[in-house]
Amino acid sequence: MKKIALTSLLATLAVSGAYAANTIDGNPLYMPKKGHFYSVTSLESHSENETLWTLGEEFGYGISDKLAVQISTDASEAHEFDNMAWNEMSLAVAFRALDKGAWKLDLIGAYGVDPVWGDHRPFLEEDDTGYAWTAGVRGGYTTARWTVAGHAYFTYGNSESFNWGDEGMHVWNLGLDAQFVIDNNWNLVAGANYQGQTDSWAKNAGVWTGEFGVNYNIDTTKFVGAYVNGTMRHATGDWETDDGFGFGAKFGIDF
């Protein structure tokens, strides 16, 4: 069973926006209204052993005020385009099971493949592509001024879409996200996520990621944001604090 990269797939489950006026501005509990499309395009650089640039796209649609679908993908390059890859491609569904005043709770389901294509690897190469099924929840308390939200996702990954008989890969993603609205234009966001692989705990006890950013709303349907992030791995009982830092930018639109 091949190794499956899941960090970006799970990150796509947290989309952007705000509760008070459904403004798309980076809020972790955003749901598009019925009949609305949204798009979030991101460009990120992360430096670990090498500088990696990643271009990502999330595109979603509100089937109703409580049900939304989303397609996400990203491509990356390193070494001045010597190494290029089309990485994850995923389809996610979110259902708002609780919508009581400021309290929100969403049920999440997703299916993804990784990689779609890469250097020396044909399109969806059988020996290199991994497939992942994800289920989980996100929820929290959101107002016009601030939001606090948490999420818990479980992913089963394998070398085939329906290879249930094999041991596969079992991954948990647990995290917290927050937003503070300064005024009609500016807001601050922060988040932390822990990813642990339960079937190889002794060798890979988990990965911590954190992010801090600032967003500017051009108007109620468009925003731009700038972010910094960091990664720290906990492996074989020792903390490795030099895993890397990154920065990035986003552009989101609701239409």
Protein backbone atom coordinates (compact mmCIF):
# COMPACT_ATOMS: atom_id res chain seq x y z
CA MET A 1 0.00 0.00 0.00
CA LYS A 2 1.45 3.30 -1.09
CA LYS A 3 1.85 6.40 1.03
CA ILE A 4 -1.05 8.83 0.57
CA ALA A 5 -0.70 12.59 1.10
CA LEU A 6 -3.78 13.82 2.96
CA THR A 7 -2.93 17.22 4.46
CA SER A 8 -4.12 19.29 1.51
CA LEU A 9 -7.22 17.16 1.02
CA LEU A 10 -8.36 17.78 4.58
CA ALA A 11 -7.48 21.44 4.41
CA THR A 12 -9.92 21.87 1.55
CA LEU A 13 -12.81 20.98 3.85
CA ALA A 14 -12.52 24.35 5.62
CA VAL A 15 -13.81 26.97 3.19
CA SER A 16 -14.18 30.74 3.54
CA GLY A 17 -16.89 33.23 4.57
CA ALA A 18 -18.74 34.87 7.51
CA TYR A 19 -21.99 34.28 9.42
CA ALA A 20 -23.54 37.72 9.67
CA ALA A 21 -24.04 38.47 5.97
CA ASN A 22 -22.61 35.29 4.40
CA THR A 23 -19.64 37.44 3.42
CA ILE A 24 -16.79 35.41 1.97
CA ASP A 25 -13.81 36.52 4.04
CA GLY A 26 -11.97 33.51 5.50
CA ASN A 27 -14.45 32.40 8.16
CA PRO A 28 -14.10 28.63 8.87
CA LEU A 29 -17.89 28.08 9.11
CA TYR A 30 -18.91 29.55 5.75
CA MET A 31 -21.66 27.83 3.75
CA PRO A 32 -22.70 29.21 0.35
CA LYS A 33 -26.37 30.16 0.10
CA LYS A 34 -28.73 28.25 -2.19
CA GLY A 35 -27.85 28.85 -5.83
CA HIS A 36 -24.52 30.54 -5.02
CA PHE A 37 -21.14 29.49 -6.39
CA TYR A 38 -17.87 30.34 -4.70
CA SER A 39 -14.20 30.08 -5.62
CA VAL A 40 -11.06 30.33 -3.47
CA THR A 41 -7.71 30.41 -5.30
CA SER A 42 -4.51 30.13 -3.27
CA LEU A 43 -0.77 30.38 -3.93
CA GLU A 44 1.56 29.09 -1.22
CA SER A 45 5.29 28.63 -0.73
CA HIS A 46 6.58 26.17 1.87
CA SER A 47 10.24 25.61 2.73
CA GLU A 48 11.30 22.35 4.33
CA ASN A 49 14.18 20.59 2.61
CA GLU A 50 13.35 22.54 -0.53
CA THR A 51 11.12 25.44 -1.55
CA LEU A 52 7.80 24.18 -2.84
CA TRP A 53 5.22 26.37 -4.57
CA THR A 54 1.60 25.19 -4.62
CA LEU A 55 -1.34 26.61 -6.58
CA GLY A 56 -4.72 25.50 -5.27
CA GLU A 57 -8.34 25.94 -6.28
CA GLU A 58 -11.60 25.31 -4.39
CA PHE A 59 -14.87 25.62 -6.28
CA GLY A 60 -18.22 25.04 -4.61
CA TYR A 61 -21.98 25.41 -4.99
CA GLY A 62 -24.86 25.74 -2.54
CA ILE A 63 -27.52 23.18 -3.44
CA SER A 64 -29.57 24.61 -0.57
CA ASP A 65 -28.82 26.82 2.41
CA LYS A 66 -27.84 23.65 4.31
CA LEU A 67 -26.18 21.52 1.62
CA ALA A 68 -23.08 22.36 -0.45
CA VAL A 69 -20.68 20.51 -2.74
CA GLN A 70 -17.05 21.38 -3.44
CA ILE A 71 -14.35 20.31 -5.90
CA SER A 72 -10.73 20.99 -4.92
CA THR A 73 -7.37 20.46 -6.55
CA ASP A 74 -3.81 21.76 -6.48
CA ALA A 75 -0.57 21.64 -8.47
CA SER A 76 2.98 22.17 -7.25
CA GLU A 77 6.49 22.85 -8.48
CA ALA A 78 10.01 22.78 -7.02
CA HIS A 79 13.57 23.35 -8.29
CA GLU A 80 12.50 25.99 -10.83
CA PHE A 81 9.90 23.71 -12.44
CA ASP A 82 12.23 20.70 -12.62
CA ASN A 83 9.73 18.87 -10.38
CA MET A 84 6.07 19.45 -11.15
CA ALA A 85 2.95 17.57 -10.11
CA TRP A 86 -0.81 17.72 -10.23
CA ASN A 87 -1.54 16.57 -6.70
CA GLU A 88 -4.91 16.06 -5.00
CA MET A 89 -8.29 16.08 -6.68
CA SER A 90 -11.21 15.79 -4.26
CA LEU A 91 -14.99 16.04 -4.08
CA ALA A 92 -16.56 17.04 -0.75
CA VAL A 93 -20.13 17.40 0.53
CA ALA A 94 -21.13 19.49 3.57
CA PHE A 95 -24.52 19.32 5.31
CA ARG A 96 -25.46 21.85 8.01
CA ALA A 97 -27.03 19.59 10.62
CA LEU A 98 -27.30 22.33 13.26
CA ASP A 99 -28.08 25.97 12.53
CA LYS A 100 -29.38 27.44 15.76
CA GLY A 101 -28.57 31.12 16.09
CA ALA A 102 -24.81 31.51 16.33
CA TRP A 103 -24.23 27.75 16.80
CA LYS A 104 -23.35 25.76 13.66
CA LEU A 105 -22.49 22.11 13.02
CA ASP A 106 -21.67 20.56 9.63
CA LEU A 107 -21.36 16.92 8.62
CA ILE A 108 -18.59 16.37 6.05
CA GLY A 109 -17.89 13.64 3.53
CA ALA A 110 -15.15 13.60 0.88
CA TYR A 111 -13.42 11.38 -1.67
CA GLY A 112 -10.03 12.16 -3.18
CA VAL A 113 -7.14 10.88 -5.27
CA ASP A 114 -3.45 11.81 -4.95
CA PRO A 115 -1.49 12.32 -7.13
CA VAL A 116 -3.36 12.81 -10.37
CA TRP A 117 -0.16 13.26 -12.36
CA GLY A 118 3.50 13.89 -11.58
CA ASP A 119 7.05 13.78 -12.88
CA HIS A 120 7.73 10.36 -14.44
CA ARG A 121 4.21 9.27 -13.43
CA PRO A 122 1.44 8.96 -16.02
CA PHE A 123 -2.09 10.26 -15.40
CA LEU A 124 -3.56 8.34 -12.40
CA GLU A 125 -0.72 5.80 -12.49
CA GLU A 126 -1.89 2.57 -10.86
CA ASP A 127 1.30 2.01 -8.86
CA ASP A 128 1.56 5.56 -7.50
CA THR A 129 -1.97 6.89 -6.96
CA GLY A 130 -3.69 6.71 -3.57
CA TYR A 131 -7.41 7.00 -2.86
CA ALA A 132 -8.95 8.43 0.29
CA TRP A 133 -12.41 8.47 1.90
CA THR A 134 -13.05 11.09 4.59
CA ALA A 135 -15.88 11.64 7.08
CA GLY A 136 -16.12 14.10 9.93
CA VAL A 137 -17.65 17.17 11.54
CA ARG A 138 -16.88 20.86 11.91
CA GLY A 139 -18.75 23.30 14.07
CA GLY A 140 -18.62 26.19 16.47
CA TYR A 141 -19.95 29.58 17.47
CA THR A 142 -19.94 32.47 15.02
CA THR A 143 -21.08 36.10 15.26
CA ALA A 144 -20.57 39.28 13.24
CA ARG A 145 -17.44 40.00 15.31
CA TRP A 146 -15.75 36.67 16.05
CA THR A 147 -15.82 32.93 15.37
CA VAL A 148 -14.38 29.90 17.18
CA ALA A 149 -14.68 26.54 15.42
CA GLY A 150 -13.33 23.02 15.70
CA HIS A 151 -13.11 20.07 13.33
CA ALA A 152 -12.52 16.33 13.49
CA TYR A 153 -12.02 14.28 10.31
CA PHE A 154 -11.24 10.59 9.88
CA THR A 155 -9.73 9.36 6.61
CA TYR A 156 -9.23 5.86 5.26
CA GLY A 157 -6.73 5.66 2.41
CA ASN A 158 -5.58 2.84 0.17
CA SER A 159 -4.09 2.02 -3.22
CA GLU A 160 -7.55 1.32 -4.67
CA SER A 161 -10.88 3.09 -4.20
CA PHE A 162 -12.67 0.05 -2.72
CA ASN A 163 -9.80 -1.97 -1.31
CA TRP A 164 -11.51 -2.45 2.08
CA GLY A 165 -9.91 -5.83 2.78
CA ASP A 166 -6.39 -4.39 2.94
CA GLU A 167 -5.05 -2.76 6.09
CA GLY A 168 -4.86 0.64 4.42
CA MET A 169 -4.06 3.94 6.10
CA HIS A 170 -6.08 5.46 8.96
CA VAL A 171 -5.63 9.17 9.66
CA TRP A 172 -7.20 11.60 12.13
CA ASN A 173 -7.23 15.37 11.66
CA LEU A 174 -8.19 17.41 14.73
CA GLY A 175 -8.07 21.20 14.84
CA LEU A 176 -9.27 24.59 16.00
CA ASP A 177 -9.82 27.75 13.92
CA ALA A 178 -10.75 31.31 14.85
CA GLN A 179 -11.54 34.64 13.23
CA PHE A 180 -11.72 38.16 14.62
CA VAL A 181 -13.42 40.86 12.52
CA ILE A 182 -11.77 44.26 12.95
CA ASP A 183 -14.16 46.22 10.70
CA ASN A 184 -16.08 45.83 7.44
CA ASN A 185 -12.84 45.39 5.50
CA TRP A 186 -10.27 43.70 7.76
CA ASN A 187 -10.22 40.48 9.79
CA LEU A 188 -7.65 38.21 11.40
CA VAL A 189 -7.67 34.40 11.23
CA ALA A 190 -5.66 31.69 13.00
CA GLY A 191 -5.77 27.92 13.10
CA ALA A 192 -4.01 24.79 14.32
CA ASN A 193 -4.35 21.19 13.12
CA TYR A 194 -2.99 17.87 14.38
CA GLN A 195 -2.74 14.94 11.96
CA GLY A 196 -2.05 11.48 13.36
CA GLN A 197 -1.78 8.14 11.59
CA THR A 198 -3.14 5.48 13.95
CA ASP A 199 -1.77 2.41 12.15
CA SER A 200 1.90 3.49 12.45
CA TRP A 201 1.84 5.45 15.70
CA ALA A 202 5.30 4.41 16.90
CA LYS A 203 6.98 5.59 13.71
CA ASN A 204 4.84 8.63 12.95
CA ALA A 205 3.19 10.12 16.03
CA GLY A 206 1.80 13.03 14.11
CA VAL A 207 2.20 16.40 12.42
CA TRP A 208 1.26 19.80 13.87
CA THR A 209 0.46 22.67 11.50
CA GLY A 210 -0.42 26.24 12.37
CA GLU A 211 -1.52 29.28 10.36
CA PHE A 212 -2.05 32.98 10.96
CA GLY A 213 -3.43 35.41 8.40
CA VAL A 214 -5.06 38.72 7.62
CA ASN A 215 -7.91 39.17 5.13
CA TYR A 216 -9.18 42.26 3.33
CA ASN A 217 -12.71 42.37 1.95
CA ILE A 218 -12.88 44.20 -1.38
CA ASP A 219 -16.67 44.02 -0.93
CA THR A 220 -19.12 41.45 0.47
CA THR A 221 -18.47 39.02 -2.39
CA LYS A 222 -14.68 39.23 -2.78
CA PHE A 223 -11.67 39.07 -0.47
CA VAL A 224 -7.89 38.76 -0.60
CA GLY A 225 -5.74 37.34 2.19
CA ALA A 226 -2.10 36.86 3.21
CA TYR A 227 -0.92 34.04 5.47
CA VAL A 228 2.08 32.53 7.25
CA ASN A 229 2.21 28.91 8.39
CA GLY A 230 4.49 26.41 10.05
CA THR A 231 4.84 22.63 10.36
CA MET A 232 6.32 20.56 13.18
CA ARG A 233 6.58 16.77 13.12
CA HIS A 234 6.69 14.43 16.10
CA ALA A 235 8.40 11.23 15.00
CA THR A 236 10.12 8.37 16.89
CA GLY A 237 9.69 10.20 20.18
CA ASP A 238 11.72 13.30 19.24
CA TRP A 239 10.45 16.75 18.32
CA GLU A 240 11.76 18.06 15.02
CA THR A 241 11.25 21.82 15.10
CA ASP A 242 12.85 22.68 11.75
CA ASP A 243 10.24 21.15 9.48
CA GLY A 244 9.58 24.39 7.72
CA PHE A 245 7.60 27.59 7.40
CA GLY A 246 5.60 29.03 4.57
CA PHE A 247 3.60 31.97 3.37
CA GLY A 248 0.77 32.39 0.92
CA ALA A 249 -2.05 34.44 -0.52
CA LYS A 250 -5.73 33.79 -1.34
CA PHE A 251 -8.45 35.30 -3.46
CA GLY A 252 -12.06 34.36 -2.80
CA ILE A 253 -15.30 35.27 -4.54
CA ASP A 254 -18.98 34.40 -4.00
CA PHE A 255 -21.28 34.73 -7.01
